[in-house]
Structure formats: C-alpha cells, structure tokens
Amino acid sequence: MEIIFINNAKDRSVYRYKKDFENILERACQVLERKGDWSLSVIYVTPEQIHEINRDYRNVDRATDVISFAIQDDMSDMLVDEDQYELGDIFINVQAIRDQASAYGHSIRREACFLFCHGLLHLMGYDHMKEEDEKVMFALQDEILDELVQR
C-alpha cells in the first residue's frame, strides 16, 4: 500500500498524520474486504486552492473540506498490475482540519483522519447523496476510525 503525500499548502504540521492515514487505508481494506496493493495521493491545499478546485471541477463556488477524484468510477476497472490498484487523489483543506476540529469538539488528529477516511471511501465507490447511502458510508467511517483514533 502506498500513499503519496503532496503538501501544496506548505503546512508542516500535516506530516504527523502519515502513519495514521496508512493505518486507515489498511483498516478500510480489512473492513471492506478489499484485497490487493492499493495506492493513492493525498494533496494538502489551502482554502483558496480547494475553492478553485471545487469551482472548476464541481461548479460549486466555495471552499470545502475535502474533495476526492477517483481514477475509475467502477472498482472492477482499477487493476493496474497484478493486484495493484490506483484509487485516485484526495485533496484536504488544511485550514478546515483546524476549524472543524474546534467546531465539532474533537482533536485536530481526529478531524484530519476523518477527512482522509471520508475521501478514501469516496475513492472506493461510496457516496452520501441519498439518505440510505449516507447511513452506510457514515457507519463505515465510524467503524474504520473508532478503532484507530479517539474522538
């Protein structure tokens, strides 16, 4: 499993979550029974950068906390080379990590891990556009995170 980290936000504090994200990826694969060698990129961005991405690619003219871009919509097409899968990219707004941790009353670490897990589940084909899909996705987030990172 490989996670490529790109720090476009130039925020040194984000490097402390590398091991957490690797553990979340591994745990997600266990919970979802996804075998193979998975890889993805995490790109840390500023509110201005994620606003631009959100506007240009999703036609939503505001900043957001996390955006995921999957390589494939259909998980069956993701085979790159014998059990190696490229999932895509997760863009995380570094300011949202701090702001939302404070707003939700939990640690900055928990919020960073939550945003990564949320983006990861999107890359793995989960969504929350419908209420029943939201229940499934949010339950998976809790199942994956609660064992690894305290609230």
N, C-alpha and C. Protein backbone atom coordinates (compact mmCIF):
# COMPACT_ATOMS: atom_id res chain seq x y z
N MET A 1 0.85 -1.18 0.00
CA MET A 1 0.00 0.00 0.00
C MET A 1 0.89 1.23 0.00
N GLU A 2 0.46 2.21 -0.79
CA GLU A 2 1.28 3.41 -0.90
C GLU A 2 0.38 4.64 -0.91
N ILE A 3 0.75 5.61 -0.10
CA ILE A 3 0.10 6.92 -0.12
C ILE A 3 1.17 7.94 -0.46
N ILE A 4 0.94 8.68 -1.53
CA ILE A 4 1.86 9.74 -1.94
C ILE A 4 1.32 11.04 -1.35
N PHE A 5 2.16 11.75 -0.60
CA PHE A 5 1.75 12.99 0.04
C PHE A 5 2.35 14.18 -0.70
N ILE A 6 1.50 15.15 -1.00
CA ILE A 6 1.92 16.39 -1.65
C ILE A 6 1.40 17.53 -0.80
N ASN A 7 2.29 18.43 -0.38
CA ASN A 7 1.93 19.49 0.54
C ASN A 7 1.91 20.84 -0.18
N ASN A 8 0.87 21.07 -0.96
CA ASN A 8 0.73 22.35 -1.67
C ASN A 8 0.39 23.49 -0.71
N ALA A 9 -0.07 23.17 0.48
CA ALA A 9 -0.42 24.19 1.47
C ALA A 9 0.81 24.71 2.21
N LYS A 10 1.93 24.03 2.06
CA LYS A 10 3.18 24.41 2.75
C LYS A 10 2.98 24.47 4.26
N ASP A 11 2.20 23.54 4.78
CA ASP A 11 1.91 23.45 6.21
C ASP A 11 2.63 22.22 6.75
N ARG A 12 3.67 22.43 7.53
CA ARG A 12 4.50 21.32 8.01
C ARG A 12 3.77 20.40 8.99
N SER A 13 2.71 20.89 9.61
CA SER A 13 2.02 20.08 10.62
C SER A 13 1.34 18.84 10.02
N VAL A 14 1.08 18.84 8.73
CA VAL A 14 0.33 17.73 8.13
C VAL A 14 1.12 16.43 8.07
N TYR A 15 2.42 16.50 8.16
CA TYR A 15 3.23 15.29 8.06
C TYR A 15 3.01 14.33 9.22
N ARG A 16 2.49 14.82 10.32
CA ARG A 16 2.29 13.97 11.50
C ARG A 16 1.18 12.94 11.29
N TYR A 17 0.38 13.06 10.24
CA TYR A 17 -0.75 12.15 10.02
C TYR A 17 -0.43 11.02 9.05
N LYS A 18 0.79 10.98 8.57
CA LYS A 18 1.15 9.98 7.55
C LYS A 18 0.87 8.55 8.04
N LYS A 19 1.35 8.18 9.20
CA LYS A 19 1.16 6.83 9.73
C LYS A 19 -0.33 6.56 10.00
N ASP A 20 -1.05 7.56 10.50
CA ASP A 20 -2.49 7.41 10.73
C ASP A 20 -3.20 7.08 9.42
N PHE A 21 -2.88 7.80 8.36
CA PHE A 21 -3.53 7.58 7.08
C PHE A 21 -3.21 6.19 6.53
N GLU A 22 -1.98 5.75 6.70
CA GLU A 22 -1.61 4.41 6.26
C GLU A 22 -2.41 3.36 7.04
N ASN A 23 -2.58 3.57 8.34
CA ASN A 23 -3.36 2.65 9.17
C ASN A 23 -4.84 2.65 8.76
N ILE A 24 -5.36 3.82 8.41
CA ILE A 24 -6.75 3.93 7.98
C ILE A 24 -6.95 3.20 6.65
N LEU A 25 -6.03 3.36 5.73
CA LEU A 25 -6.11 2.65 4.45
C LEU A 25 -6.11 1.14 4.68
N GLU A 26 -5.21 0.68 5.53
CA GLU A 26 -5.13 -0.75 5.83
C GLU A 26 -6.42 -1.24 6.50
N ARG A 27 -6.92 -0.49 7.46
CA ARG A 27 -8.15 -0.87 8.17
C ARG A 27 -9.35 -0.86 7.22
N ALA A 28 -9.42 0.13 6.35
CA ALA A 28 -10.52 0.20 5.38
C ALA A 28 -10.52 -1.02 4.48
N CYS A 29 -9.35 -1.43 4.05
CA CYS A 29 -9.25 -2.63 3.20
C CYS A 29 -9.70 -3.88 3.95
N GLN A 30 -9.41 -3.94 5.25
CA GLN A 30 -9.87 -5.08 6.06
C GLN A 30 -11.39 -5.06 6.21
N VAL A 31 -11.92 -3.91 6.61
CA VAL A 31 -13.36 -3.78 6.85
C VAL A 31 -14.15 -4.04 5.57
N LEU A 32 -13.66 -3.52 4.45
CA LEU A 32 -14.36 -3.64 3.17
C LEU A 32 -13.99 -4.90 2.40
N GLU A 33 -13.08 -5.68 3.01
CA GLU A 33 -12.60 -6.92 2.39
C GLU A 33 -12.06 -6.67 0.98
N ARG A 34 -11.22 -5.65 0.88
CA ARG A 34 -10.57 -5.31 -0.39
C ARG A 34 -9.14 -5.81 -0.33
N LYS A 35 -8.85 -6.80 -1.12
CA LYS A 35 -7.50 -7.36 -1.17
C LYS A 35 -6.71 -6.62 -2.23
N GLY A 36 -5.40 -6.72 -2.15
CA GLY A 36 -4.55 -6.13 -3.17
C GLY A 36 -3.69 -5.01 -2.61
N ASP A 37 -2.92 -4.44 -3.48
CA ASP A 37 -1.99 -3.37 -3.15
C ASP A 37 -2.57 -2.06 -3.65
N TRP A 38 -3.05 -1.24 -2.75
CA TRP A 38 -3.74 -0.01 -3.09
C TRP A 38 -2.80 1.18 -3.01
N SER A 39 -2.97 2.13 -3.92
CA SER A 39 -2.19 3.37 -3.85
C SER A 39 -3.10 4.56 -4.17
N LEU A 40 -2.74 5.69 -3.60
CA LEU A 40 -3.48 6.93 -3.81
C LEU A 40 -2.60 8.10 -3.44
N SER A 41 -3.07 9.29 -3.78
CA SER A 41 -2.36 10.52 -3.42
C SER A 41 -3.21 11.35 -2.48
N VAL A 42 -2.54 11.99 -1.52
CA VAL A 42 -3.18 12.98 -0.65
C VAL A 42 -2.49 14.30 -0.93
N ILE A 43 -3.28 15.30 -1.31
CA ILE A 43 -2.74 16.62 -1.61
C ILE A 43 -3.34 17.59 -0.61
N TYR A 44 -2.47 18.16 0.21
CA TYR A 44 -2.90 19.17 1.18
C TYR A 44 -2.94 20.53 0.48
N VAL A 45 -4.06 21.24 0.66
CA VAL A 45 -4.24 22.52 -0.02
C VAL A 45 -4.78 23.57 0.95
N THR A 46 -4.69 24.81 0.53
CA THR A 46 -5.22 25.94 1.28
C THR A 46 -6.71 26.10 0.96
N PRO A 47 -7.43 26.89 1.75
CA PRO A 47 -8.85 27.15 1.43
C PRO A 47 -9.02 27.75 0.02
N GLU A 48 -8.11 28.62 -0.36
CA GLU A 48 -8.20 29.24 -1.68
C GLU A 48 -8.01 28.20 -2.79
N GLN A 49 -7.07 27.29 -2.59
CA GLN A 49 -6.81 26.27 -3.60
C GLN A 49 -7.99 25.31 -3.74
N ILE A 50 -8.57 24.88 -2.62
CA ILE A 50 -9.69 23.94 -2.71
C ILE A 50 -10.94 24.64 -3.24
N HIS A 51 -11.07 25.93 -2.97
CA HIS A 51 -12.18 26.71 -3.54
C HIS A 51 -12.08 26.70 -5.07
N GLU A 52 -10.91 26.92 -5.57
CA GLU A 52 -10.69 26.92 -7.02
C GLU A 52 -10.99 25.54 -7.63
N ILE A 53 -10.53 24.48 -6.97
CA ILE A 53 -10.80 23.12 -7.45
C ILE A 53 -12.30 22.84 -7.43
N ASN A 54 -12.96 23.19 -6.34
CA ASN A 54 -14.40 22.98 -6.20
C ASN A 54 -15.17 23.74 -7.28
N ARG A 55 -14.77 24.97 -7.53
CA ARG A 55 -15.42 25.79 -8.55
C ARG A 55 -15.20 25.22 -9.96
N ASP A 56 -13.94 24.89 -10.26
CA ASP A 56 -13.60 24.47 -11.62
C ASP A 56 -14.07 23.07 -11.98
N TYR A 57 -14.08 22.16 -11.01
CA TYR A 57 -14.40 20.76 -11.31
C TYR A 57 -15.78 20.32 -10.85
N ARG A 58 -16.36 21.05 -9.89
CA ARG A 58 -17.67 20.64 -9.37
C ARG A 58 -18.72 21.73 -9.53
N ASN A 59 -18.32 22.89 -10.06
CA ASN A 59 -19.22 24.03 -10.25
C ASN A 59 -19.86 24.48 -8.94
N VAL A 60 -19.09 24.37 -7.85
CA VAL A 60 -19.54 24.84 -6.54
C VAL A 60 -18.56 25.94 -6.11
N ASP A 61 -19.05 27.18 -6.06
CA ASP A 61 -18.18 28.34 -5.87
C ASP A 61 -17.95 28.67 -4.39
N ARG A 62 -17.30 27.73 -3.70
CA ARG A 62 -16.92 27.94 -2.29
C ARG A 62 -15.85 26.92 -1.91
N ALA A 63 -15.18 27.23 -0.83
CA ALA A 63 -14.21 26.27 -0.29
C ALA A 63 -14.97 25.11 0.35
N THR A 64 -14.30 23.98 0.45
CA THR A 64 -14.86 22.81 1.13
C THR A 64 -13.74 22.16 1.93
N ASP A 65 -14.03 21.09 2.63
CA ASP A 65 -13.01 20.48 3.48
C ASP A 65 -12.20 19.41 2.78
N VAL A 66 -12.85 18.60 1.93
CA VAL A 66 -12.16 17.51 1.25
C VAL A 66 -12.84 17.24 -0.09
N ILE A 67 -12.06 16.95 -1.10
CA ILE A 67 -12.56 16.58 -2.42
C ILE A 67 -11.76 15.37 -2.88
N SER A 68 -12.47 14.39 -3.43
CA SER A 68 -11.82 13.18 -3.95
C SER A 68 -12.08 13.07 -5.44
N PHE A 69 -11.05 12.62 -6.16
CA PHE A 69 -11.18 12.34 -7.58
C PHE A 69 -10.70 10.90 -7.80
N ALA A 70 -11.66 10.01 -8.06
CA ALA A 70 -11.34 8.62 -8.29
C ALA A 70 -10.80 8.43 -9.71
N ILE A 71 -9.85 7.52 -9.84
CA ILE A 71 -9.33 7.18 -11.17
C ILE A 71 -10.45 6.54 -11.99
N GLN A 72 -11.22 5.66 -11.38
CA GLN A 72 -12.30 4.94 -12.06
C GLN A 72 -13.55 5.01 -11.20
N ASP A 73 -14.69 5.14 -11.86
CA ASP A 73 -15.96 5.07 -11.14
C ASP A 73 -16.31 3.63 -10.79
N ASP A 74 -15.87 2.70 -11.62
CA ASP A 74 -16.17 1.29 -11.43
C ASP A 74 -14.94 0.60 -10.85
N MET A 75 -15.06 0.09 -9.63
CA MET A 75 -13.92 -0.52 -8.95
C MET A 75 -13.35 -1.72 -9.70
N SER A 76 -14.13 -2.38 -10.53
CA SER A 76 -13.64 -3.55 -11.24
C SER A 76 -12.62 -3.19 -12.32
N ASP A 77 -12.58 -1.93 -12.73
CA ASP A 77 -11.64 -1.50 -13.77
C ASP A 77 -10.33 -0.98 -13.21
N MET A 78 -10.07 -1.12 -11.92
CA MET A 78 -8.95 -0.46 -11.29
C MET A 78 -7.65 -1.26 -11.28
N LEU A 79 -7.66 -2.45 -11.78
CA LEU A 79 -6.45 -3.27 -11.77
C LEU A 79 -5.38 -2.64 -12.66
N VAL A 80 -4.24 -2.34 -12.07
CA VAL A 80 -3.13 -1.76 -12.81
C VAL A 80 -2.15 -2.86 -13.17
N ASP A 81 -1.76 -3.66 -12.20
CA ASP A 81 -0.77 -4.71 -12.42
C ASP A 81 -0.92 -5.71 -11.27
N GLU A 82 -1.30 -6.92 -11.57
CA GLU A 82 -1.46 -7.99 -10.58
C GLU A 82 -1.73 -7.51 -9.17
N ASP A 83 -2.97 -7.30 -8.85
CA ASP A 83 -3.41 -6.90 -7.52
C ASP A 83 -2.91 -5.52 -7.08
N GLN A 84 -2.51 -4.68 -8.01
CA GLN A 84 -2.13 -3.31 -7.66
C GLN A 84 -3.22 -2.38 -8.19
N TYR A 85 -3.75 -1.53 -7.31
CA TYR A 85 -4.86 -0.67 -7.67
C TYR A 85 -4.51 0.79 -7.37
N GLU A 86 -4.77 1.66 -8.32
CA GLU A 86 -4.60 3.11 -8.13
C GLU A 86 -5.99 3.68 -7.90
N LEU A 87 -6.20 4.25 -6.72
CA LEU A 87 -7.52 4.76 -6.37
C LEU A 87 -7.79 6.16 -6.92
N GLY A 88 -6.84 7.09 -6.76
CA GLY A 88 -7.05 8.46 -7.19
C GLY A 88 -6.42 9.43 -6.22
N ASP A 89 -7.03 10.62 -6.12
CA ASP A 89 -6.48 11.72 -5.34
C ASP A 89 -7.50 12.23 -4.32
N ILE A 90 -6.98 12.55 -3.13
CA ILE A 90 -7.78 13.20 -2.09
C ILE A 90 -7.14 14.55 -1.80
N PHE A 91 -7.90 15.62 -1.97
CA PHE A 91 -7.45 16.98 -1.65
C PHE A 91 -8.05 17.35 -0.30
N ILE A 92 -7.18 17.71 0.65
CA ILE A 92 -7.63 18.07 2.00
C ILE A 92 -7.26 19.51 2.30
N ASN A 93 -8.25 20.28 2.71
CA ASN A 93 -8.09 21.68 3.09
C ASN A 93 -7.51 21.73 4.51
N VAL A 94 -6.26 22.19 4.63
CA VAL A 94 -5.59 22.16 5.93
C VAL A 94 -6.25 23.08 6.96
N GLN A 95 -6.81 24.19 6.52
CA GLN A 95 -7.49 25.09 7.46
C GLN A 95 -8.77 24.45 7.98
N ALA A 96 -9.45 23.69 7.14
CA ALA A 96 -10.69 23.02 7.57
C ALA A 96 -10.40 22.00 8.67
N ILE A 97 -9.23 21.39 8.64
CA ILE A 97 -8.88 20.43 9.70
C ILE A 97 -8.97 21.13 11.05
N ARG A 98 -8.33 22.28 11.17
CA ARG A 98 -8.32 23.01 12.45
C ARG A 98 -9.69 23.58 12.80
N ASP A 99 -10.33 24.20 11.80
CA ASP A 99 -11.63 24.84 12.05
C ASP A 99 -12.69 23.83 12.47
N GLN A 100 -12.75 22.71 11.77
CA GLN A 100 -13.80 21.72 12.06
C GLN A 100 -13.51 20.95 13.33
N ALA A 101 -12.26 20.73 13.65
CA ALA A 101 -11.94 20.08 14.93
C ALA A 101 -12.48 20.93 16.08
N SER A 102 -12.27 22.22 15.99
CA SER A 102 -12.77 23.12 17.02
C SER A 102 -14.30 23.15 17.03
N ALA A 103 -14.90 23.25 15.87
CA ALA A 103 -16.37 23.32 15.77
C ALA A 103 -17.04 22.04 16.28
N TYR A 104 -16.44 20.89 16.01
CA TYR A 104 -17.05 19.61 16.40
C TYR A 104 -16.57 19.11 17.76
N GLY A 105 -15.63 19.82 18.37
CA GLY A 105 -15.20 19.48 19.71
C GLY A 105 -14.36 18.22 19.81
N HIS A 106 -13.60 17.92 18.78
CA HIS A 106 -12.67 16.80 18.89
C HIS A 106 -11.28 17.24 18.44
N SER A 107 -10.35 16.31 18.48
CA SER A 107 -8.95 16.67 18.23
C SER A 107 -8.69 16.97 16.75
N ILE A 108 -7.64 17.72 16.52
CA ILE A 108 -7.20 18.01 15.16
C ILE A 108 -6.83 16.70 14.46
N ARG A 109 -6.21 15.80 15.19
CA ARG A 109 -5.84 14.50 14.63
C ARG A 109 -7.09 13.75 14.16
N ARG A 110 -8.13 13.71 14.99
CA ARG A 110 -9.37 13.01 14.62
C ARG A 110 -9.96 13.63 13.36
N GLU A 111 -9.97 14.95 13.26
CA GLU A 111 -10.55 15.60 12.08
C GLU A 111 -9.74 15.32 10.83
N ALA A 112 -8.41 15.37 10.93
CA ALA A 112 -7.57 15.05 9.77
C ALA A 112 -7.83 13.62 9.31
N CYS A 113 -7.93 12.71 10.25
CA CYS A 113 -8.18 11.30 9.92
C CYS A 113 -9.58 11.10 9.37
N PHE A 114 -10.54 11.82 9.91
CA PHE A 114 -11.91 11.75 9.40
C PHE A 114 -11.96 12.20 7.94
N LEU A 115 -11.33 13.33 7.64
CA LEU A 115 -11.37 13.85 6.27
C LEU A 115 -10.69 12.87 5.30
N PHE A 116 -9.57 12.29 5.74
CA PHE A 116 -8.90 11.30 4.90
C PHE A 116 -9.81 10.09 4.68
N CYS A 117 -10.40 9.56 5.74
CA CYS A 117 -11.27 8.39 5.64
C CYS A 117 -12.47 8.69 4.75
N HIS A 118 -13.06 9.84 4.90
CA HIS A 118 -14.20 10.25 4.09
C HIS A 118 -13.82 10.26 2.61
N GLY A 119 -12.69 10.90 2.32
CA GLY A 119 -12.21 10.94 0.94
C GLY A 119 -11.88 9.56 0.40
N LEU A 120 -11.27 8.74 1.23
CA LEU A 120 -10.91 7.37 0.84
C LEU A 120 -12.16 6.56 0.47
N LEU A 121 -13.20 6.66 1.29
CA LEU A 121 -14.42 5.92 0.98
C LEU A 121 -15.04 6.40 -0.34
N HIS A 122 -14.95 7.68 -0.62
CA HIS A 122 -15.41 8.16 -1.94
C HIS A 122 -14.59 7.50 -3.05
N LEU A 123 -13.27 7.42 -2.87
CA LEU A 123 -12.44 6.78 -3.89
C LEU A 123 -12.79 5.31 -4.08
N MET A 124 -13.28 4.69 -3.01
CA MET A 124 -13.63 3.27 -3.06
C MET A 124 -15.07 3.04 -3.49
N GLY A 125 -15.73 4.10 -3.95
CA GLY A 125 -17.05 3.94 -4.55
C GLY A 125 -18.24 4.29 -3.66
N TYR A 126 -18.01 4.81 -2.47
CA TYR A 126 -19.11 5.16 -1.58
C TYR A 126 -19.49 6.63 -1.76
N ASP A 127 -20.78 6.91 -1.49
CA ASP A 127 -21.27 8.28 -1.62
C ASP A 127 -22.34 8.52 -0.57
N HIS A 128 -22.76 9.77 -0.44
CA HIS A 128 -23.77 10.11 0.55
C HIS A 128 -24.82 11.04 -0.04
N MET A 129 -25.11 10.87 -1.31
CA MET A 129 -26.11 11.70 -1.98
C MET A 129 -27.54 11.32 -1.55
N LYS A 130 -27.76 10.05 -1.29
CA LYS A 130 -29.06 9.57 -0.81
C LYS A 130 -28.94 9.22 0.66
N GLU A 131 -30.04 9.35 1.39
CA GLU A 131 -30.02 9.11 2.84
C GLU A 131 -29.54 7.70 3.19
N GLU A 132 -29.99 6.70 2.44
CA GLU A 132 -29.58 5.32 2.76
C GLU A 132 -28.09 5.11 2.48
N ASP A 133 -27.56 5.76 1.43
CA ASP A 133 -26.13 5.67 1.14
C ASP A 133 -25.31 6.40 2.20
N GLU A 134 -25.84 7.52 2.69
CA GLU A 134 -25.16 8.28 3.74
C GLU A 134 -25.03 7.45 5.01
N LYS A 135 -26.08 6.73 5.38
CA LYS A 135 -26.05 5.89 6.57
C LYS A 135 -24.96 4.83 6.46
N VAL A 136 -24.87 4.20 5.29
CA VAL A 136 -23.85 3.17 5.07
C VAL A 136 -22.45 3.78 5.15
N MET A 137 -22.25 4.88 4.43
CA MET A 137 -20.91 5.49 4.38
C MET A 137 -20.48 5.99 5.76
N PHE A 138 -21.37 6.67 6.46
CA PHE A 138 -21.01 7.22 7.77
C PHE A 138 -20.77 6.13 8.80
N ALA A 139 -21.52 5.03 8.71
CA ALA A 139 -21.28 3.90 9.61
C ALA A 139 -19.90 3.29 9.34
N LEU A 140 -19.53 3.19 8.08
CA LEU A 140 -18.20 2.68 7.73
C LEU A 140 -17.10 3.59 8.26
N GLN A 141 -17.30 4.90 8.14
CA GLN A 141 -16.32 5.85 8.68
C GLN A 141 -16.09 5.59 10.16
N ASP A 142 -17.17 5.44 10.91
CA ASP A 142 -17.04 5.20 12.35
C ASP A 142 -16.36 3.86 12.62
N GLU A 143 -16.75 2.83 11.88
CA GLU A 143 -16.16 1.50 12.09
C GLU A 143 -14.65 1.52 11.81
N ILE A 144 -14.25 2.22 10.80
CA ILE A 144 -12.83 2.29 10.44
C ILE A 144 -12.06 3.15 11.43
N LEU A 145 -12.59 4.33 11.75
CA LEU A 145 -11.84 5.30 12.57
C LEU A 145 -11.86 5.01 14.06
N ASP A 146 -12.97 4.58 14.59
CA ASP A 146 -13.10 4.46 16.04
C ASP A 146 -12.07 3.53 16.66
N GLU A 147 -11.65 2.53 15.94
CA GLU A 147 -10.63 1.61 16.44
C GLU A 147 -9.23 2.24 16.42
N LEU A 148 -9.03 3.25 15.60
CA LEU A 148 -7.69 3.81 15.37
C LEU A 148 -7.43 5.16 16.01
N VAL A 149 -8.48 6.02 16.07
CA VAL A 149 -8.29 7.40 16.52
C VAL A 149 -9.42 7.79 17.43
N GLN A 150 -9.09 8.25 18.64
CA GLN A 150 -10.11 8.68 19.60
C GLN A 150 -10.84 9.91 19.10
N ARG A 151 -12.09 10.00 19.50
CA ARG A 151 -12.92 11.18 19.16
C ARG A 151 -12.48 12.38 19.95
